[in-house]
Amino acid sequence: MPNYNFKKDLSVAKETEKEVAKLLQERYGLNILSFEETNRYDILTEKNEKQLTFEIKEDFLCEKTGNVGLEFECRGKPSGIQTSQADYHIYKLHTADCGIQYVLHKTSVLKDMIETHMYFRIVNGGDKGSNSMNYLFKYNVFVSTGKIIFAS
């Protein structure tokens, strides 16, 4: 579950990024070039002289709500999907029926999902005082537009 404390949640996020990097190396043969500390992307990879960038997200509440949140604003400023320059997003979803799933989306697909209003509402969430705004997608809609790359 999220801690709703930025420092604690950041350490969990960094561990998730390491998990995903290992998955990208082992399953897809990607070389990890760097872990980034910016809002542009989290992981820079390379394969066959082509660089790819990944944004890594984790949704703990999907298990309880059956929904997936996609942040777009925090503390009154653009964040998340609005500031990401990643080629791909990988979501680690904690689900009630399927355990943990890693779902891959092209960032352009997520932006198209927003533009075509595939979300069913906008919600406020996150740490106290963060005023984080999220597009909320039904689990089935979110997963059907991406690719499950690993499940446990």
C-alpha atoms as a PDB file:
ATOM      1  CA  MET A   1       0.000   0.000   0.000  1.00  0.00           C
ATOM      2  CA  PRO A   2       1.154   3.554  -0.554  1.00  0.00           C
ATOM      3  CA  ASN A   3       2.494   5.348   2.504  1.00  0.00           C
ATOM      4  CA  TYR A   4       1.177   8.766   1.435  1.00  0.00           C
ATOM      5  CA  ASN A   5       4.587  10.039   2.475  1.00  0.00           C
ATOM      6  CA  PHE A   6       6.830  11.234  -0.358  1.00  0.00           C
ATOM      7  CA  LYS A   7      10.132  10.037   1.141  1.00  0.00           C
ATOM      8  CA  LYS A   8       8.823   6.569   2.002  1.00  0.00           C
ATOM      9  CA  ASP A   9       7.016   6.193  -1.326  1.00  0.00           C
ATOM     10  CA  LEU A  10      10.125   7.340  -3.203  1.00  0.00           C
ATOM     11  CA  SER A  11      12.184   4.478  -1.750  1.00  0.00           C
ATOM     12  CA  VAL A  12       9.474   1.999  -2.803  1.00  0.00           C
ATOM     13  CA  ALA A  13       9.431   3.562  -6.287  1.00  0.00           C
ATOM     14  CA  LYS A  14      13.206   3.198  -6.623  1.00  0.00           C
ATOM     15  CA  GLU A  15      12.973  -0.514  -5.754  1.00  0.00           C
ATOM     16  CA  THR A  16      10.210  -0.960  -8.336  1.00  0.00           C
ATOM     17  CA  GLU A  17      12.383   0.750 -10.949  1.00  0.00           C
ATOM     18  CA  LYS A  18      15.177  -1.749 -10.183  1.00  0.00           C
ATOM     19  CA  GLU A  19      12.708  -4.660 -10.518  1.00  0.00           C
ATOM     20  CA  VAL A  20      11.525  -3.396 -13.893  1.00  0.00           C
ATOM     21  CA  ALA A  21      15.091  -2.787 -15.088  1.00  0.00           C
ATOM     22  CA  LYS A  22      15.959  -6.394 -14.267  1.00  0.00           C
ATOM     23  CA  LEU A  23      12.850  -7.547 -16.148  1.00  0.00           C
ATOM     24  CA  LEU A  24      13.804  -5.446 -19.179  1.00  0.00           C
ATOM     25  CA  GLN A  25      17.313  -6.910 -19.144  1.00  0.00           C
ATOM     26  CA  GLU A  26      16.327 -10.537 -18.648  1.00  0.00           C
ATOM     27  CA  ARG A  27      13.255 -10.743 -20.885  1.00  0.00           C
ATOM     28  CA  TYR A  28      14.042  -8.220 -23.602  1.00  0.00           C
ATOM     29  CA  GLY A  29      17.847  -7.988 -23.624  1.00  0.00           C
ATOM     30  CA  LEU A  30      17.856  -4.242 -23.015  1.00  0.00           C
ATOM     31  CA  ASN A  31      21.004  -2.662 -21.597  1.00  0.00           C
ATOM     32  CA  ILE A  32      20.279  -0.299 -18.721  1.00  0.00           C
ATOM     33  CA  LEU A  33      22.205   2.913 -19.330  1.00  0.00           C
ATOM     34  CA  SER A  34      20.887   4.990 -16.428  1.00  0.00           C
ATOM     35  CA  PHE A  35      18.236   5.610 -13.829  1.00  0.00           C
ATOM     36  CA  GLU A  36      17.063   9.204 -14.044  1.00  0.00           C
ATOM     37  CA  GLU A  37      16.008  11.624 -11.321  1.00  0.00           C
ATOM     38  CA  THR A  38      13.875  13.854 -13.561  1.00  0.00           C
ATOM     39  CA  ASN A  39      10.233  14.104 -14.587  1.00  0.00           C
ATOM     40  CA  ARG A  40      11.135  13.183 -18.205  1.00  0.00           C
ATOM     41  CA  TYR A  41      11.583   9.409 -17.660  1.00  0.00           C
ATOM     42  CA  ASP A  42      12.901   6.902 -15.103  1.00  0.00           C
ATOM     43  CA  ILE A  43      15.053   4.455 -17.062  1.00  0.00           C
ATOM     44  CA  LEU A  44      17.204   4.935 -20.163  1.00  0.00           C
ATOM     45  CA  THR A  45      17.935   1.713 -22.052  1.00  0.00           C
ATOM     46  CA  GLU A  46      19.683   0.668 -25.248  1.00  0.00           C
ATOM     47  CA  LYS A  47      19.499  -2.268 -27.618  1.00  0.00           C
ATOM     48  CA  ASN A  48      21.065  -2.563 -31.049  1.00  0.00           C
ATOM     49  CA  GLU A  49      22.273   1.043 -30.790  1.00  0.00           C
ATOM     50  CA  LYS A  50      18.710   2.311 -30.265  1.00  0.00           C
ATOM     51  CA  GLN A  51      17.827   4.101 -27.046  1.00  0.00           C
ATOM     52  CA  LEU A  52      14.432   3.681 -25.377  1.00  0.00           C
ATOM     53  CA  THR A  53      13.105   5.434 -22.290  1.00  0.00           C
ATOM     54  CA  PHE A  54      10.652   4.123 -19.714  1.00  0.00           C
ATOM     55  CA  GLU A  55       8.494   5.725 -17.053  1.00  0.00           C
ATOM     56  CA  ILE A  56       7.732   3.335 -14.185  1.00  0.00           C
ATOM     57  CA  LYS A  57       4.566   3.599 -12.100  1.00  0.00           C
ATOM     58  CA  GLU A  58       2.993   1.418  -9.429  1.00  0.00           C
ATOM     59  CA  ASP A  59      -0.681   1.283  -8.489  1.00  0.00           C
ATOM     60  CA  PHE A  60      -1.335  -0.351  -5.127  1.00  0.00           C
ATOM     61  CA  LEU A  61      -4.997   0.658  -4.972  1.00  0.00           C
ATOM     62  CA  CYS A  62      -5.988  -1.218  -8.131  1.00  0.00           C
ATOM     63  CA  GLU A  63      -6.335  -4.304  -5.947  1.00  0.00           C
ATOM     64  CA  LYS A  64      -8.958  -2.579  -3.827  1.00  0.00           C
ATOM     65  CA  THR A  65     -10.712  -0.370  -6.379  1.00  0.00           C
ATOM     66  CA  GLY A  66     -10.353  -2.152  -9.725  1.00  0.00           C
ATOM     67  CA  ASN A  67      -9.132   1.123 -11.203  1.00  0.00           C
ATOM     68  CA  VAL A  68      -5.797   2.498 -12.420  1.00  0.00           C
ATOM     69  CA  GLY A  69      -4.774   6.099 -11.773  1.00  0.00           C
ATOM     70  CA  LEU A  70      -2.707   8.145 -14.213  1.00  0.00           C
ATOM     71  CA  GLU A  71      -1.335  11.335 -12.614  1.00  0.00           C
ATOM     72  CA  PHE A  72      -1.334  14.549 -14.608  1.00  0.00           C
ATOM     73  CA  GLU A  73      -0.958  17.308 -12.001  1.00  0.00           C
ATOM     74  CA  CYS A  74       0.677  17.733  -8.581  1.00  0.00           C
ATOM     75  CA  ARG A  75       0.751  20.794  -6.348  1.00  0.00           C
ATOM     76  CA  GLY A  76      -0.957  22.804  -9.085  1.00  0.00           C
ATOM     77  CA  LYS A  77       1.718  22.025 -11.702  1.00  0.00           C
ATOM     78  CA  PRO A  78       1.780  19.612 -14.649  1.00  0.00           C
ATOM     79  CA  SER A  79       3.255  16.238 -13.696  1.00  0.00           C
ATOM     80  CA  GLY A  80       3.111  12.577 -14.633  1.00  0.00           C
ATOM     81  CA  ILE A  81       1.752  11.980 -18.115  1.00  0.00           C
ATOM     82  CA  GLN A  82       1.851  15.726 -18.906  1.00  0.00           C
ATOM     83  CA  THR A  83       5.599  16.040 -18.322  1.00  0.00           C
ATOM     84  CA  SER A  84       6.856  12.570 -19.221  1.00  0.00           C
ATOM     85  CA  GLN A  85       9.022  12.288 -22.317  1.00  0.00           C
ATOM     86  CA  ALA A  86       9.327   8.509 -21.998  1.00  0.00           C
ATOM     87  CA  ASP A  87       8.778   6.290 -24.996  1.00  0.00           C
ATOM     88  CA  TYR A  88       6.940   3.756 -22.808  1.00  0.00           C
ATOM     89  CA  HIS A  89       5.181   3.517 -19.460  1.00  0.00           C
ATOM     90  CA  ILE A  90       5.271   0.340 -17.401  1.00  0.00           C
ATOM     91  CA  TYR A  91       2.709   0.045 -14.631  1.00  0.00           C
ATOM     92  CA  LYS A  92       3.140  -2.446 -11.804  1.00  0.00           C
ATOM     93  CA  LEU A  93      -0.456  -3.197 -10.876  1.00  0.00           C
ATOM     94  CA  HIS A  94      -1.477  -4.944  -7.669  1.00  0.00           C
ATOM     95  CA  THR A  95      -4.714  -6.708  -8.599  1.00  0.00           C
ATOM     96  CA  ALA A  96      -7.260  -8.701  -6.616  1.00  0.00           C
ATOM     97  CA  ASP A  97      -7.727 -11.486  -9.156  1.00  0.00           C
ATOM     98  CA  CYS A  98      -4.438 -11.666 -11.071  1.00  0.00           C
ATOM     99  CA  GLY A  99      -1.762 -10.845  -8.488  1.00  0.00           C
ATOM    100  CA  ILE A 100       0.918  -8.444  -9.641  1.00  0.00           C
ATOM    101  CA  GLN A 101       1.005  -7.529 -13.319  1.00  0.00           C
ATOM    102  CA  TYR A 102       3.459  -5.391 -15.241  1.00  0.00           C
ATOM    103  CA  VAL A 103       1.631  -3.621 -18.070  1.00  0.00           C
ATOM    104  CA  LEU A 104       3.466  -1.873 -20.916  1.00  0.00           C
ATOM    105  CA  HIS A 105       1.990   1.036 -22.893  1.00  0.00           C
ATOM    106  CA  LYS A 106       3.487   3.336 -25.460  1.00  0.00           C
ATOM    107  CA  THR A 107       3.228   6.796 -23.942  1.00  0.00           C
ATOM    108  CA  SER A 108       1.447   7.950 -27.107  1.00  0.00           C
ATOM    109  CA  VAL A 109      -1.278   5.351 -26.470  1.00  0.00           C
ATOM    110  CA  LEU A 110      -1.857   6.659 -22.944  1.00  0.00           C
ATOM    111  CA  LYS A 111      -2.120  10.193 -24.288  1.00  0.00           C
ATOM    112  CA  ASP A 112      -4.605   9.024 -26.928  1.00  0.00           C
ATOM    113  CA  MET A 113      -6.637   7.313 -24.188  1.00  0.00           C
ATOM    114  CA  ILE A 114      -6.851  10.637 -22.379  1.00  0.00           C
ATOM    115  CA  GLU A 115      -7.670  12.607 -25.514  1.00  0.00           C
ATOM    116  CA  THR A 116     -10.503  10.206 -26.390  1.00  0.00           C
ATOM    117  CA  HIS A 117     -11.813  10.249 -22.801  1.00  0.00           C
ATOM    118  CA  MET A 118     -11.345   6.542 -22.115  1.00  0.00           C
ATOM    119  CA  TYR A 119     -10.994   7.425 -18.408  1.00  0.00           C
ATOM    120  CA  PHE A 120     -14.203   7.501 -16.438  1.00  0.00           C
ATOM    121  CA  ARG A 121     -13.416  10.318 -14.026  1.00  0.00           C
ATOM    122  CA  ILE A 122     -10.755  12.576 -12.554  1.00  0.00           C
ATOM    123  CA  VAL A 123      -9.816  12.147  -8.899  1.00  0.00           C
ATOM    124  CA  ASN A 124      -7.635  13.855  -6.332  1.00  0.00           C
ATOM    125  CA  GLY A 125      -5.146  11.641  -4.508  1.00  0.00           C
ATOM    126  CA  GLY A 126      -1.590  11.301  -3.279  1.00  0.00           C
ATOM    127  CA  ASP A 127       0.238  12.680  -0.262  1.00  0.00           C
ATOM    128  CA  LYS A 128      -1.510  15.107   2.058  1.00  0.00           C
ATOM    129  CA  GLY A 129      -1.301  18.560   0.516  1.00  0.00           C
ATOM    130  CA  SER A 130      -0.032  17.316  -2.856  1.00  0.00           C
ATOM    131  CA  ASN A 131      -3.383  17.841  -4.550  1.00  0.00           C
ATOM    132  CA  SER A 132      -2.378  15.207  -7.124  1.00  0.00           C
ATOM    133  CA  MET A 133      -4.884  14.908  -9.936  1.00  0.00           C
ATOM    134  CA  ASN A 134      -5.339  11.609 -11.746  1.00  0.00           C
ATOM    135  CA  TYR A 135      -7.265  10.270 -14.695  1.00  0.00           C
ATOM    136  CA  LEU A 136      -8.989   7.128 -13.470  1.00  0.00           C
ATOM    137  CA  PHE A 137      -9.333   4.159 -15.820  1.00  0.00           C
ATOM    138  CA  LYS A 138     -11.200   0.912 -15.247  1.00  0.00           C
ATOM    139  CA  TYR A 139      -8.682  -1.933 -14.931  1.00  0.00           C
ATOM    140  CA  ASN A 140     -10.064  -3.803 -17.977  1.00  0.00           C
ATOM    141  CA  VAL A 141      -9.865  -0.713 -20.196  1.00  0.00           C
ATOM    142  CA  PHE A 142      -6.315   0.063 -19.061  1.00  0.00           C
ATOM    143  CA  VAL A 143      -4.982  -3.459 -19.567  1.00  0.00           C
ATOM    144  CA  SER A 144      -6.758  -4.004 -22.906  1.00  0.00           C
ATOM    145  CA  THR A 145      -4.866  -1.075 -24.447  1.00  0.00           C
ATOM    146  CA  GLY A 146      -1.456  -2.257 -23.245  1.00  0.00           C
ATOM    147  CA  LYS A 147       0.518  -5.473 -23.023  1.00  0.00           C
ATOM    148  CA  ILE A 148       1.038  -7.554 -19.894  1.00  0.00           C
ATOM    149  CA  ILE A 149       4.779  -8.238 -19.986  1.00  0.00           C
ATOM    150  CA  PHE A 150       4.978 -10.171 -16.722  1.00  0.00           C
ATOM    151  CA  ALA A 151       2.623 -11.442 -14.037  1.00  0.00           C
ATOM    152  CA  SER A 152       3.331 -13.078 -10.682  1.00  0.00           C
END
